[in-house]
Amino acid sequence: MPQNDPKASACNSLGGAIGEISPSAILVRIFPARRGTTHLFEPDFHRTFLDRKVEAGVARLVRRTFGNVADWRLAHDFYLPTGELYLTPDPTQKGYIPEDDQSFGLAPARRIAILDGAGA
């Protein structure tokens, strides 16, 4: 009987849960709780519009999965294909508007954590 890898399972379950909510989403931008918004983006950099309660549920999933690894008083981006959590660029930096640099602002210097447990 093959052993289950709990870290890989966490990555698959988080990505799967978000995929069930928004199958085309590849990036989740989680703003601080006081702002009360979460944005999901598709590969073509367009935002997916969902009910605010659904967006809040996605944000809770990501926050719960990454726990205390991130300072949730700041905005973060979760990139589904790689399971990586990034600090969102400041509004004046490239990548804050996802399509401005065609990379969602996913610079290695902003990476906080990788869901499989490998640190940044």
PDB file of N, CA and C in Angstrom:
ATOM      1  N   MET A   1       0.851  -1.182   0.000  1.00  0.00           N
ATOM      2  CA  MET A   1       0.000   0.000   0.000  1.00  0.00           C
ATOM      3  C   MET A   1       0.892   1.239   0.000  1.00  0.00           C
ATOM      4  N   PRO A   2       0.767   2.137  -0.992  1.00  0.00           N
ATOM      5  CA  PRO A   2       1.616   3.326  -1.039  1.00  0.00           C
ATOM      6  C   PRO A   2       1.267   4.285   0.097  1.00  0.00           C
ATOM      7  N   GLN A   3       2.315   4.952   0.586  1.00  0.00           N
ATOM      8  CA  GLN A   3       2.097   5.924   1.647  1.00  0.00           C
ATOM      9  C   GLN A   3       1.604   7.233   1.053  1.00  0.00           C
ATOM     10  N   ASN A   4       0.743   7.898   1.789  1.00  0.00           N
ATOM     11  CA  ASN A   4       0.236   9.192   1.363  1.00  0.00           C
ATOM     12  C   ASN A   4       1.185  10.278   1.818  1.00  0.00           C
ATOM     13  N   ASP A   5       1.409  11.258   0.975  1.00  0.00           N
ATOM     14  CA  ASP A   5       2.238  12.405   1.326  1.00  0.00           C
ATOM     15  C   ASP A   5       1.299  13.518   1.765  1.00  0.00           C
ATOM     16  N   PRO A   6       1.232  13.833   3.084  1.00  0.00           N
ATOM     17  CA  PRO A   6       0.275  14.835   3.557  1.00  0.00           C
ATOM     18  C   PRO A   6       0.515  16.216   2.970  1.00  0.00           C
ATOM     19  N   LYS A   7       1.764  16.562   2.673  1.00  0.00           N
ATOM     20  CA  LYS A   7       2.042  17.887   2.103  1.00  0.00           C
ATOM     21  C   LYS A   7       1.510  17.974   0.679  1.00  0.00           C
ATOM     22  N   ALA A   8       1.736  16.926  -0.122  1.00  0.00           N
ATOM     23  CA  ALA A   8       1.197  16.907  -1.477  1.00  0.00           C
ATOM     24  C   ALA A   8      -0.321  16.892  -1.434  1.00  0.00           C
ATOM     25  N   SER A   9      -0.874  16.169  -0.474  1.00  0.00           N
ATOM     26  CA  SER A   9      -2.316  16.114  -0.315  1.00  0.00           C
ATOM     27  C   SER A   9      -2.886  17.496  -0.003  1.00  0.00           C
ATOM     28  N   ALA A  10      -2.191  18.260   0.857  1.00  0.00           N
ATOM     29  CA  ALA A  10      -2.652  19.614   1.192  1.00  0.00           C
ATOM     30  C   ALA A  10      -2.654  20.491  -0.048  1.00  0.00           C
ATOM     31  N   CYS A  11      -1.599  20.375  -0.867  1.00  0.00           N
ATOM     32  CA  CYS A  11      -1.509  21.177  -2.093  1.00  0.00           C
ATOM     33  C   CYS A  11      -2.658  20.820  -3.028  1.00  0.00           C
ATOM     34  N   ASN A  12      -2.885  19.507  -3.232  1.00  0.00           N
ATOM     35  CA  ASN A  12      -3.962  19.068  -4.113  1.00  0.00           C
ATOM     36  C   ASN A  12      -5.321  19.463  -3.581  1.00  0.00           C
ATOM     37  N   SER A  13      -5.521  19.374  -2.268  1.00  0.00           N
ATOM     38  CA  SER A  13      -6.833  19.683  -1.725  1.00  0.00           C
ATOM     39  C   SER A  13      -7.122  21.182  -1.768  1.00  0.00           C
ATOM     40  N   LEU A  14      -6.120  22.027  -1.507  1.00  0.00           N
ATOM     41  CA  LEU A  14      -6.350  23.474  -1.594  1.00  0.00           C
ATOM     42  C   LEU A  14      -6.617  23.873  -3.039  1.00  0.00           C
ATOM     43  N   GLY A  15      -5.769  23.427  -3.948  1.00  0.00           N
ATOM     44  CA  GLY A  15      -5.969  23.736  -5.366  1.00  0.00           C
ATOM     45  C   GLY A  15      -7.274  23.163  -5.885  1.00  0.00           C
ATOM     46  N   GLY A  16      -7.601  21.954  -5.436  1.00  0.00           N
ATOM     47  CA  GLY A  16      -8.849  21.326  -5.854  1.00  0.00           C
ATOM     48  C   GLY A  16     -10.063  22.061  -5.333  1.00  0.00           C
ATOM     49  N   ALA A  17      -9.992  22.506  -4.080  1.00  0.00           N
ATOM     50  CA  ALA A  17     -11.118  23.240  -3.491  1.00  0.00           C
ATOM     51  C   ALA A  17     -11.337  24.559  -4.219  1.00  0.00           C
ATOM     52  N   ILE A  18     -10.252  25.252  -4.517  1.00  0.00           N
ATOM     53  CA  ILE A  18     -10.389  26.521  -5.248  1.00  0.00           C
ATOM     54  C   ILE A  18     -10.845  26.250  -6.676  1.00  0.00           C
ATOM     55  N   GLY A  19     -10.331  25.168  -7.275  1.00  0.00           N
ATOM     56  CA  GLY A  19     -10.739  24.800  -8.631  1.00  0.00           C
ATOM     57  C   GLY A  19     -12.210  24.466  -8.748  1.00  0.00           C
ATOM     58  N   GLU A  20     -12.781  23.894  -7.690  1.00  0.00           N
ATOM     59  CA  GLU A  20     -14.214  23.608  -7.699  1.00  0.00           C
ATOM     60  C   GLU A  20     -15.027  24.896  -7.676  1.00  0.00           C
ATOM     61  N   ILE A  21     -14.506  25.901  -6.996  1.00  0.00           N
ATOM     62  CA  ILE A  21     -15.211  27.186  -6.894  1.00  0.00           C
ATOM     63  C   ILE A  21     -15.059  27.988  -8.176  1.00  0.00           C
ATOM     64  N   SER A  22     -13.836  28.005  -8.708  1.00  0.00           N
ATOM     65  CA  SER A  22     -13.549  28.763  -9.923  1.00  0.00           C
ATOM     66  C   SER A  22     -12.549  27.973 -10.762  1.00  0.00           C
ATOM     67  N   PRO A  23     -13.039  27.113 -11.660  1.00  0.00           N
ATOM     68  CA  PRO A  23     -12.166  26.218 -12.418  1.00  0.00           C
ATOM     69  C   PRO A  23     -11.080  26.905 -13.239  1.00  0.00           C
ATOM     70  N   SER A  24     -11.310  28.135 -13.645  1.00  0.00           N
ATOM     71  CA  SER A  24     -10.327  28.814 -14.487  1.00  0.00           C
ATOM     72  C   SER A  24      -9.337  29.672 -13.703  1.00  0.00           C
ATOM     73  N   ALA A  25      -9.516  29.790 -12.399  1.00  0.00           N
ATOM     74  CA  ALA A  25      -8.633  30.646 -11.594  1.00  0.00           C
ATOM     75  C   ALA A  25      -7.243  30.033 -11.451  1.00  0.00           C
ATOM     76  N   ILE A  26      -6.212  30.882 -11.567  1.00  0.00           N
ATOM     77  CA  ILE A  26      -4.855  30.409 -11.310  1.00  0.00           C
ATOM     78  C   ILE A  26      -4.150  31.248 -10.244  1.00  0.00           C
ATOM     79  N   LEU A  27      -4.714  32.403  -9.910  1.00  0.00           N
ATOM     80  CA  LEU A  27      -4.110  33.246  -8.894  1.00  0.00           C
ATOM     81  C   LEU A  27      -5.197  33.791  -7.984  1.00  0.00           C
ATOM     82  N   VAL A  28      -4.943  33.720  -6.678  1.00  0.00           N
ATOM     83  CA  VAL A  28      -5.867  34.280  -5.693  1.00  0.00           C
ATOM     84  C   VAL A  28      -5.125  35.403  -4.988  1.00  0.00           C
ATOM     85  N   ARG A  29      -5.657  36.596  -5.052  1.00  0.00           N
ATOM     86  CA  ARG A  29      -5.077  37.739  -4.344  1.00  0.00           C
ATOM     87  C   ARG A  29      -5.906  37.982  -3.101  1.00  0.00           C
ATOM     88  N   ILE A  30      -5.261  37.820  -1.949  1.00  0.00           N
ATOM     89  CA  ILE A  30      -5.928  37.936  -0.654  1.00  0.00           C
ATOM     90  C   ILE A  30      -5.519  39.245  -0.010  1.00  0.00           C
ATOM     91  N   PHE A  31      -6.468  40.126   0.133  1.00  0.00           N
ATOM     92  CA  PHE A  31      -6.207  41.412   0.776  1.00  0.00           C
ATOM     93  C   PHE A  31      -6.395  41.264   2.282  1.00  0.00           C
ATOM     94  N   PRO A  32      -5.854  42.193   3.062  1.00  0.00           N
ATOM     95  CA  PRO A  32      -6.055  42.118   4.518  1.00  0.00           C
ATOM     96  C   PRO A  32      -7.539  42.048   4.874  1.00  0.00           C
ATOM     97  N   ALA A  33      -7.836  41.371   5.969  1.00  0.00           N
ATOM     98  CA  ALA A  33      -9.229  41.147   6.377  1.00  0.00           C
ATOM     99  C   ALA A  33     -10.006  42.451   6.518  1.00  0.00           C
ATOM    100  N   ARG A  34      -9.343  43.505   6.966  1.00  0.00           N
ATOM    101  CA  ARG A  34     -10.054  44.775   7.149  1.00  0.00           C
ATOM    102  C   ARG A  34     -10.582  45.326   5.829  1.00  0.00           C
ATOM    103  N   ARG A  35      -9.927  44.981   4.724  1.00  0.00           N
ATOM    104  CA  ARG A  35     -10.394  45.435   3.414  1.00  0.00           C
ATOM    105  C   ARG A  35     -11.554  44.572   2.921  1.00  0.00           C
ATOM    106  N   GLY A  36     -11.546  43.318   3.321  1.00  0.00           N
ATOM    107  CA  GLY A  36     -12.681  42.447   3.050  1.00  0.00           C
ATOM    108  C   GLY A  36     -12.871  42.024   1.608  1.00  0.00           C
ATOM    109  N   THR A  37     -11.804  42.008   0.809  1.00  0.00           N
ATOM    110  CA  THR A  37     -11.953  41.558  -0.568  1.00  0.00           C
ATOM    111  C   THR A  37     -10.891  40.522  -0.907  1.00  0.00           C
ATOM    112  N   THR A  38     -11.217  39.699  -1.874  1.00  0.00           N
ATOM    113  CA  THR A  38     -10.307  38.710  -2.438  1.00  0.00           C
ATOM    114  C   THR A  38     -10.570  38.709  -3.931  1.00  0.00           C
ATOM    115  N   HIS A  39      -9.516  38.651  -4.733  1.00  0.00           N
ATOM    116  CA  HIS A  39      -9.680  38.605  -6.176  1.00  0.00           C
ATOM    117  C   HIS A  39      -9.121  37.293  -6.701  1.00  0.00           C
ATOM    118  N   LEU A  40      -9.801  36.695  -7.657  1.00  0.00           N
ATOM    119  CA  LEU A  40      -9.307  35.513  -8.355  1.00  0.00           C
ATOM    120  C   LEU A  40      -9.066  35.904  -9.799  1.00  0.00           C
ATOM    121  N   PHE A  41      -7.919  35.499 -10.343  1.00  0.00           N
ATOM    122  CA  PHE A  41      -7.556  35.845 -11.707  1.00  0.00           C
ATOM    123  C   PHE A  41      -7.409  34.599 -12.562  1.00  0.00           C
ATOM    124  N   GLU A  42      -7.756  34.743 -13.840  1.00  0.00           N
ATOM    125  CA  GLU A  42      -7.624  33.677 -14.823  1.00  0.00           C
ATOM    126  C   GLU A  42      -6.262  33.800 -15.513  1.00  0.00           C
ATOM    127  N   PRO A  43      -5.844  32.787 -16.279  1.00  0.00           N
ATOM    128  CA  PRO A  43      -4.541  32.840 -16.943  1.00  0.00           C
ATOM    129  C   PRO A  43      -4.365  34.027 -17.888  1.00  0.00           C
ATOM    130  N   ASP A  44      -5.467  34.567 -18.409  1.00  0.00           N
ATOM    131  CA  ASP A  44      -5.372  35.715 -19.318  1.00  0.00           C
ATOM    132  C   ASP A  44      -5.372  37.038 -18.550  1.00  0.00           C
ATOM    133  N   PHE A  45      -5.154  36.987 -17.233  1.00  0.00           N
ATOM    134  CA  PHE A  45      -5.037  38.139 -16.342  1.00  0.00           C
ATOM    135  C   PHE A  45      -6.352  38.835 -16.042  1.00  0.00           C
ATOM    136  N   HIS A  46      -7.470  38.275 -16.508  1.00  0.00           N
ATOM    137  CA  HIS A  46      -8.770  38.853 -16.195  1.00  0.00           C
ATOM    138  C   HIS A  46      -9.244  38.348 -14.844  1.00  0.00           C
ATOM    139  N   ARG A  47      -9.934  39.197 -14.141  1.00  0.00           N
ATOM    140  CA  ARG A  47     -10.456  38.851 -12.830  1.00  0.00           C
ATOM    141  C   ARG A  47     -11.745  38.048 -12.974  1.00  0.00           C
ATOM    142  N   THR A  48     -11.897  37.047 -12.132  1.00  0.00           N
ATOM    143  CA  THR A  48     -13.122  36.263 -12.049  1.00  0.00           C
ATOM    144  C   THR A  48     -13.989  36.896 -10.971  1.00  0.00           C
ATOM    145  N   PHE A  49     -15.211  37.228 -11.308  1.00  0.00           N
ATOM    146  CA  PHE A  49     -16.088  37.863 -10.335  1.00  0.00           C
ATOM    147  C   PHE A  49     -16.973  36.815  -9.678  1.00  0.00           C
ATOM    148  N   LEU A  50     -16.841  36.723  -8.362  1.00  0.00           N
ATOM    149  CA  LEU A  50     -17.620  35.778  -7.576  1.00  0.00           C
ATOM    150  C   LEU A  50     -18.326  36.538  -6.462  1.00  0.00           C
ATOM    151  N   ASP A  51     -19.281  35.884  -5.855  1.00  0.00           N
ATOM    152  CA  ASP A  51     -19.963  36.442  -4.694  1.00  0.00           C
ATOM    153  C   ASP A  51     -18.929  36.727  -3.602  1.00  0.00           C
ATOM    154  N   ARG A  52     -19.113  37.829  -2.871  1.00  0.00           N
ATOM    155  CA  ARG A  52     -18.166  38.206  -1.815  1.00  0.00           C
ATOM    156  C   ARG A  52     -18.004  37.118  -0.752  1.00  0.00           C
ATOM    157  N   LYS A  53     -19.074  36.426  -0.439  1.00  0.00           N
ATOM    158  CA  LYS A  53     -18.996  35.346   0.547  1.00  0.00           C
ATOM    159  C   LYS A  53     -18.122  34.201   0.039  1.00  0.00           C
ATOM    160  N   VAL A  54     -18.226  33.912  -1.247  1.00  0.00           N
ATOM    161  CA  VAL A  54     -17.403  32.865  -1.848  1.00  0.00           C
ATOM    162  C   VAL A  54     -15.937  33.291  -1.834  1.00  0.00           C
ATOM    163  N   GLU A  55     -15.679  34.552  -2.209  1.00  0.00           N
ATOM    164  CA  GLU A  55     -14.307  35.076  -2.181  1.00  0.00           C
ATOM    165  C   GLU A  55     -13.737  35.014  -0.765  1.00  0.00           C
ATOM    166  N   ALA A  56     -14.541  35.371   0.222  1.00  0.00           N
ATOM    167  CA  ALA A  56     -14.096  35.325   1.619  1.00  0.00           C
ATOM    168  C   ALA A  56     -13.779  33.891   2.030  1.00  0.00           C
ATOM    169  N   GLY A  57     -14.556  32.938   1.546  1.00  0.00           N
ATOM    170  CA  GLY A  57     -14.299  31.529   1.847  1.00  0.00           C
ATOM    171  C   GLY A  57     -12.978  31.052   1.249  1.00  0.00           C
ATOM    172  N   VAL A  58     -12.675  31.488   0.035  1.00  0.00           N
ATOM    173  CA  VAL A  58     -11.396  31.143  -0.600  1.00  0.00           C
ATOM    174  C   VAL A  58     -10.243  31.738   0.209  1.00  0.00           C
ATOM    175  N   ALA A  59     -10.393  32.984   0.629  1.00  0.00           N
ATOM    176  CA  ALA A  59      -9.355  33.632   1.440  1.00  0.00           C
ATOM    177  C   ALA A  59      -9.136  32.868   2.742  1.00  0.00           C
ATOM    178  N   ARG A  60     -10.211  32.432   3.379  1.00  0.00           N
ATOM    179  CA  ARG A  60     -10.081  31.656   4.627  1.00  0.00           C
ATOM    180  C   ARG A  60      -9.329  30.352   4.396  1.00  0.00           C
ATOM    181  N   LEU A  61      -9.624  29.684   3.281  1.00  0.00           N
ATOM    182  CA  LEU A  61      -8.927  28.434   2.949  1.00  0.00           C
ATOM    183  C   LEU A  61      -7.422  28.658   2.834  1.00  0.00           C
ATOM    184  N   VAL A  62      -7.040  29.702   2.114  1.00  0.00           N
ATOM    185  CA  VAL A  62      -5.616  29.975   1.912  1.00  0.00           C
ATOM    186  C   VAL A  62      -4.968  30.386   3.230  1.00  0.00           C
ATOM    187  N   ARG A  63      -5.617  31.276   3.965  1.00  0.00           N
ATOM    188  CA  ARG A  63      -5.050  31.711   5.253  1.00  0.00           C
ATOM    189  C   ARG A  63      -4.889  30.532   6.217  1.00  0.00           C
ATOM    190  N   ARG A  64      -5.876  29.681   6.267  1.00  0.00           N
ATOM    191  CA  ARG A  64      -5.821  28.531   7.173  1.00  0.00           C
ATOM    192  C   ARG A  64      -4.715  27.563   6.743  1.00  0.00           C
ATOM    193  N   THR A  65      -4.566  27.363   5.440  1.00  0.00           N
ATOM    194  CA  THR A  65      -3.553  26.442   4.937  1.00  0.00           C
ATOM    195  C   THR A  65      -2.140  26.929   5.244  1.00  0.00           C
ATOM    196  N   PHE A  66      -1.902  28.227   5.074  1.00  0.00           N
ATOM    197  CA  PHE A  66      -0.562  28.758   5.299  1.00  0.00           C
ATOM    198  C   PHE A  66      -0.344  29.246   6.734  1.00  0.00           C
ATOM    199  N   GLY A  67      -1.418  29.394   7.485  1.00  0.00           N
ATOM    200  CA  GLY A  67      -1.317  29.742   8.896  1.00  0.00           C
ATOM    201  C   GLY A  67      -0.468  30.961   9.190  1.00  0.00           C
ATOM    202  N   ASN A  68       0.497  30.788  10.084  1.00  0.00           N
ATOM    203  CA  ASN A  68       1.322  31.901  10.548  1.00  0.00           C
ATOM    204  C   ASN A  68       2.546  32.171   9.687  1.00  0.00           C
ATOM    205  N   VAL A  69       2.641  31.535   8.522  1.00  0.00           N
ATOM    206  CA  VAL A  69       3.790  31.743   7.645  1.00  0.00           C
ATOM    207  C   VAL A  69       3.804  33.173   7.104  1.00  0.00           C
ATOM    208  N   ALA A  70       2.644  33.765   6.929  1.00  0.00           N
ATOM    209  CA  ALA A  70       2.525  35.085   6.311  1.00  0.00           C
ATOM    210  C   ALA A  70       1.968  36.107   7.289  1.00  0.00           C
ATOM    211  N   ASP A  71       2.275  37.358   7.037  1.00  0.00           N
ATOM    212  CA  ASP A  71       1.696  38.468   7.795  1.00  0.00           C
ATOM    213  C   ASP A  71       0.421  38.874   7.061  1.00  0.00           C
ATOM    214  N   TRP A  72      -0.706  38.389   7.523  1.00  0.00           N
ATOM    215  CA  TRP A  72      -1.971  38.579   6.816  1.00  0.00           C
ATOM    216  C   TRP A  72      -2.495  40.006   6.902  1.00  0.00           C
ATOM    217  N   ARG A  73      -1.753  40.899   7.560  1.00  0.00           N
ATOM    218  CA  ARG A  73      -2.114  42.328   7.528  1.00  0.00           C
ATOM    219  C   ARG A  73      -1.726  42.945   6.192  1.00  0.00           C
ATOM    220  N   LEU A  74      -0.967  42.194   5.397  1.00  0.00           N
ATOM    221  CA  LEU A  74      -0.545  42.626   4.066  1.00  0.00           C
ATOM    222  C   LEU A  74      -1.233  41.752   3.024  1.00  0.00           C
ATOM    223  N   ALA A  75      -1.297  42.233   1.798  1.00  0.00           N
ATOM    224  CA  ALA A  75      -1.909  41.461   0.717  1.00  0.00           C
ATOM    225  C   ALA A  75      -0.933  40.391   0.223  1.00  0.00           C
ATOM    226  N   HIS A  76      -1.482  39.225  -0.119  1.00  0.00           N
ATOM    227  CA  HIS A  76      -0.684  38.110  -0.616  1.00  0.00           C
ATOM    228  C   HIS A  76      -1.348  37.507  -1.846  1.00  0.00           C
ATOM    229  N   ASP A  77      -0.523  36.886  -2.686  1.00  0.00           N
ATOM    230  CA  ASP A  77      -1.003  36.186  -3.875  1.00  0.00           C
ATOM    231  C   ASP A  77      -0.682  34.709  -3.734  1.00  0.00           C
ATOM    232  N   PHE A  78      -1.690  33.863  -3.956  1.00  0.00           N
ATOM    233  CA  PHE A  78      -1.478  32.420  -3.977  1.00  0.00           C
ATOM    234  C   PHE A  78      -1.585  31.972  -5.418  1.00  0.00           C
ATOM    235  N   TYR A  79      -0.502  31.383  -5.938  1.00  0.00           N
ATOM    236  CA  TYR A  79      -0.441  30.931  -7.325  1.00  0.00           C
ATOM    237  C   TYR A  79      -0.740  29.435  -7.352  1.00  0.00           C
ATOM    238  N   LEU A  80      -1.904  29.061  -7.855  1.00  0.00           N
ATOM    239  CA  LEU A  80      -2.366  27.685  -7.809  1.00  0.00           C
ATOM    240  C   LEU A  80      -1.464  26.688  -8.527  1.00  0.00           C
ATOM    241  N   PRO A  81      -0.961  26.972  -9.741  1.00  0.00           N
ATOM    242  CA  PRO A  81      -0.173  25.941 -10.440  1.00  0.00           C
ATOM    243  C   PRO A  81       1.054  25.448  -9.678  1.00  0.00           C
ATOM    244  N   THR A  82       1.666  26.314  -8.869  1.00  0.00           N
ATOM    245  CA  THR A  82       2.884  25.912  -8.161  1.00  0.00           C
ATOM    246  C   THR A  82       2.683  25.782  -6.656  1.00  0.00           C
ATOM    247  N   GLY A  83       1.545  26.225  -6.141  1.00  0.00           N
ATOM    248  CA  GLY A  83       1.300  26.171  -4.705  1.00  0.00           C
ATOM    249  C   GLY A  83       2.127  27.168  -3.923  1.00  0.00           C
ATOM    250  N   GLU A  84       2.524  28.265  -4.569  1.00  0.00           N
ATOM    251  CA  GLU A  84       3.386  29.255  -3.924  1.00  0.00           C
ATOM    252  C   GLU A  84       2.579  30.456  -3.440  1.00  0.00           C
ATOM    253  N   LEU A  85       2.998  30.985  -2.298  1.00  0.00           N
ATOM    254  CA  LEU A  85       2.402  32.179  -1.715  1.00  0.00           C
ATOM    255  C   LEU A  85       3.407  33.314  -1.836  1.00  0.00           C
ATOM    256  N   TYR A  86       2.958  34.429  -2.379  1.00  0.00           N
ATOM    257  CA  TYR A  86       3.809  35.590  -2.602  1.00  0.00           C
ATOM    258  C   TYR A  86       3.249  36.803  -1.873  1.00  0.00           C
ATOM    259  N   LEU A  87       4.121  37.700  -1.505  1.00  0.00           N
ATOM    260  CA  LEU A  87       3.706  39.006  -1.013  1.00  0.00           C
ATOM    261  C   LEU A  87       3.272  39.795  -2.240  1.00  0.00           C
ATOM    262  N   THR A  88       2.090  40.359  -2.206  1.00  0.00           N
ATOM    263  CA  THR A  88       1.584  41.124  -3.348  1.00  0.00           C
ATOM    264  C   THR A  88       2.427  42.375  -3.540  1.00  0.00           C
ATOM    265  N   PRO A  89       2.771  42.693  -4.792  1.00  0.00           N
ATOM    266  CA  PRO A  89       3.519  43.931  -5.024  1.00  0.00           C
ATOM    267  C   PRO A  89       2.738  45.146  -4.535  1.00  0.00           C
ATOM    268  N   ASP A  90       3.469  46.186  -4.142  1.00  0.00           N
ATOM    269  CA  ASP A  90       2.823  47.448  -3.776  1.00  0.00           C
ATOM    270  C   ASP A  90       2.143  48.018  -5.007  1.00  0.00           C
ATOM    271  N   PRO A  91       1.130  48.860  -4.822  1.00  0.00           N
ATOM    272  CA  PRO A  91       0.412  49.420  -5.977  1.00  0.00           C
ATOM    273  C   PRO A  91       1.307  50.152  -6.972  1.00  0.00           C
ATOM    274  N   THR A  92       2.483  50.605  -6.537  1.00  0.00           N
ATOM    275  CA  THR A  92       3.382  51.317  -7.447  1.00  0.00           C
ATOM    276  C   THR A  92       4.364  50.383  -8.150  1.00  0.00           C
ATOM    277  N   GLN A  93       4.375  49.086  -7.811  1.00  0.00           N
ATOM    278  CA  GLN A  93       5.320  48.142  -8.399  1.00  0.00           C
ATOM    279  C   GLN A  93       4.707  47.374  -9.563  1.00  0.00           C
ATOM    280  N   LYS A  94       5.568  46.938 -10.474  1.00  0.00           N
ATOM    281  CA  LYS A  94       5.103  46.080 -11.560  1.00  0.00           C
ATOM    282  C   LYS A  94       4.532  44.802 -10.972  1.00  0.00           C
ATOM    283  N   GLY A  95       3.430  44.355 -11.524  1.00  0.00           N
ATOM    284  CA  GLY A  95       2.790  43.139 -11.066  1.00  0.00           C
ATOM    285  C   GLY A  95       1.589  43.386 -10.184  1.00  0.00           C
ATOM    286  N   TYR A  96       1.446  44.600  -9.644  1.00  0.00           N
ATOM    287  CA  TYR A  96       0.258  44.868  -8.834  1.00  0.00           C
ATOM    288  C   TYR A  96      -0.982  44.768  -9.712  1.00  0.00           C
ATOM    289  N   ILE A  97      -0.894  45.348 -10.893  1.00  0.00           N
ATOM    290  CA  ILE A  97      -1.935  45.141 -11.905  1.00  0.00           C
ATOM    291  C   ILE A  97      -1.445  43.924 -12.678  1.00  0.00           C
ATOM    292  N   PRO A  98      -2.124  42.778 -12.536  1.00  0.00           N
ATOM    293  CA  PRO A  98      -1.561  41.517 -13.022  1.00  0.00           C
ATOM    294  C   PRO A  98      -1.047  41.515 -14.452  1.00  0.00           C
ATOM    295  N   GLU A  99      -1.709  42.215 -15.344  1.00  0.00           N
ATOM    296  CA  GLU A  99      -1.292  42.131 -16.743  1.00  0.00           C
ATOM    297  C   GLU A  99      -0.162  43.093 -17.096  1.00  0.00           C
ATOM    298  N   ASP A 100       0.259  43.969 -16.175  1.00  0.00           N
ATOM    299  CA  ASP A 100       1.244  44.973 -16.573  1.00  0.00           C
ATOM    300  C   ASP A 100       2.626  44.399 -16.855  1.00  0.00           C
ATOM    301  N   ASP A 101       2.973  43.264 -16.275  1.00  0.00           N
ATOM    302  CA  ASP A 101       4.267  42.661 -16.598  1.00  0.00           C
ATOM    303  C   ASP A 101       4.122  41.215 -17.074  1.00  0.00           C
ATOM    304  N   GLN A 102       2.899  40.794 -17.318  1.00  0.00           N
ATOM    305  CA  GLN A 102       2.592  39.461 -17.828  1.00  0.00           C
ATOM    306  C   GLN A 102       3.107  38.341 -16.919  1.00  0.00           C
ATOM    307  N   SER A 103       3.266  38.625 -15.610  1.00  0.00           N
ATOM    308  CA  SER A 103       3.762  37.600 -14.702  1.00  0.00           C
ATOM    309  C   SER A 103       2.980  37.550 -13.396  1.00  0.00           C
ATOM    310  N   PHE A 104       1.943  38.348 -13.249  1.00  0.00           N
ATOM    311  CA  PHE A 104       1.191  38.461 -12.001  1.00  0.00           C
ATOM    312  C   PHE A 104       2.065  38.996 -10.875  1.00  0.00           C
ATOM    313  N   GLY A 105       3.254  39.508 -11.174  1.00  0.00           N
ATOM    314  CA  GLY A 105       4.135  40.020 -10.129  1.00  0.00           C
ATOM    315  C   GLY A 105       4.759  38.928  -9.281  1.00  0.00           C
ATOM    316  N   LEU A 106       4.860  37.718  -9.827  1.00  0.00           N
ATOM    317  CA  LEU A 106       5.367  36.581  -9.066  1.00  0.00           C
ATOM    318  C   LEU A 106       6.897  36.545  -9.098  1.00  0.00           C
ATOM    319  N   ALA A 107       7.517  37.513  -8.480  1.00  0.00           N
ATOM    320  CA  ALA A 107       8.977  37.585  -8.420  1.00  0.00           C
ATOM    321  C   ALA A 107       9.489  36.705  -7.290  1.00  0.00           C
ATOM    322  N   PRO A 108      10.559  35.951  -7.529  1.00  0.00           N
ATOM    323  CA  PRO A 108      11.105  35.085  -6.475  1.00  0.00           C
ATOM    324  C   PRO A 108      11.418  35.829  -5.170  1.00  0.00           C
ATOM    325  N   ALA A 109      11.775  37.089  -5.262  1.00  0.00           N
ATOM    326  CA  ALA A 109      12.093  37.864  -4.054  1.00  0.00           C
ATOM    327  C   ALA A 109      10.871  38.085  -3.171  1.00  0.00           C
ATOM    328  N   ARG A 110       9.673  37.969  -3.740  1.00  0.00           N
ATOM    329  CA  ARG A 110       8.447  38.175  -2.968  1.00  0.00           C
ATOM    330  C   ARG A 110       7.834  36.864  -2.475  1.00  0.00           C
ATOM    331  N   ARG A 111       8.425  35.727  -2.838  1.00  0.00           N
ATOM    332  CA  ARG A 111       7.865  34.435  -2.439  1.00  0.00           C
ATOM    333  C   ARG A 111       7.991  34.264  -0.929  1.00  0.00           C
ATOM    334  N   ILE A 112       6.890  33.876  -0.287  1.00  0.00           N
ATOM    335  CA  ILE A 112       6.828  33.679   1.157  1.00  0.00           C
ATOM    336  C   ILE A 112       6.975  32.192   1.491  1.00  0.00           C
ATOM    337  N   ALA A 113       6.227  31.348   0.784  1.00  0.00           N
ATOM    338  CA  ALA A 113       6.215  29.924   1.102  1.00  0.00           C
ATOM    339  C   ALA A 113       5.736  29.124  -0.098  1.00  0.00           C
ATOM    340  N   ILE A 114       6.085  27.838  -0.061  1.00  0.00           N
ATOM    341  CA  ILE A 114       5.611  26.890  -1.068  1.00  0.00           C
ATOM    342  C   ILE A 114       4.809  25.851  -0.296  1.00  0.00           C
ATOM    343  N   LEU A 115       3.645  25.545  -0.789  1.00  0.00           N
ATOM    344  CA  LEU A 115       2.714  24.677  -0.063  1.00  0.00           C
ATOM    345  C   LEU A 115       3.273  23.303   0.246  1.00  0.00           C
ATOM    346  N   ASP A 116       4.186  22.810  -0.576  1.00  0.00           N
ATOM    347  CA  ASP A 116       4.704  21.464  -0.311  1.00  0.00           C
ATOM    348  C   ASP A 116       5.678  21.446   0.865  1.00  0.00           C
ATOM    349  N   GLY A 117       5.896  22.585   1.495  1.00  0.00           N
ATOM    350  CA  GLY A 117       6.727  22.626   2.683  1.00  0.00           C
ATOM    351  C   GLY A 117       8.107  23.195   2.454  1.00  0.00           C
ATOM    352  N   ALA A 118       8.543  23.297   1.203  1.00  0.00           N
ATOM    353  CA  ALA A 118       9.862  23.856   0.915  1.00  0.00           C
ATOM    354  C   ALA A 118       9.804  25.362   1.157  1.00  0.00           C
ATOM    355  N   GLY A 119      10.626  25.877   1.965  1.00  0.00           N
ATOM    356  CA  GLY A 119      10.607  27.302   2.290  1.00  0.00           C
ATOM    357  C   GLY A 119      11.147  28.171   1.197  1.00  0.00           C
ATOM    358  N   ALA A 120      10.836  29.446   1.267  1.00  0.00           N
ATOM    359  CA  ALA A 120      11.318  30.390   0.269  1.00  0.00           C
ATOM    360  C   ALA A 120      12.727  30.827   0.625  1.00  0.00           C
TER     361      ALA A 120
END
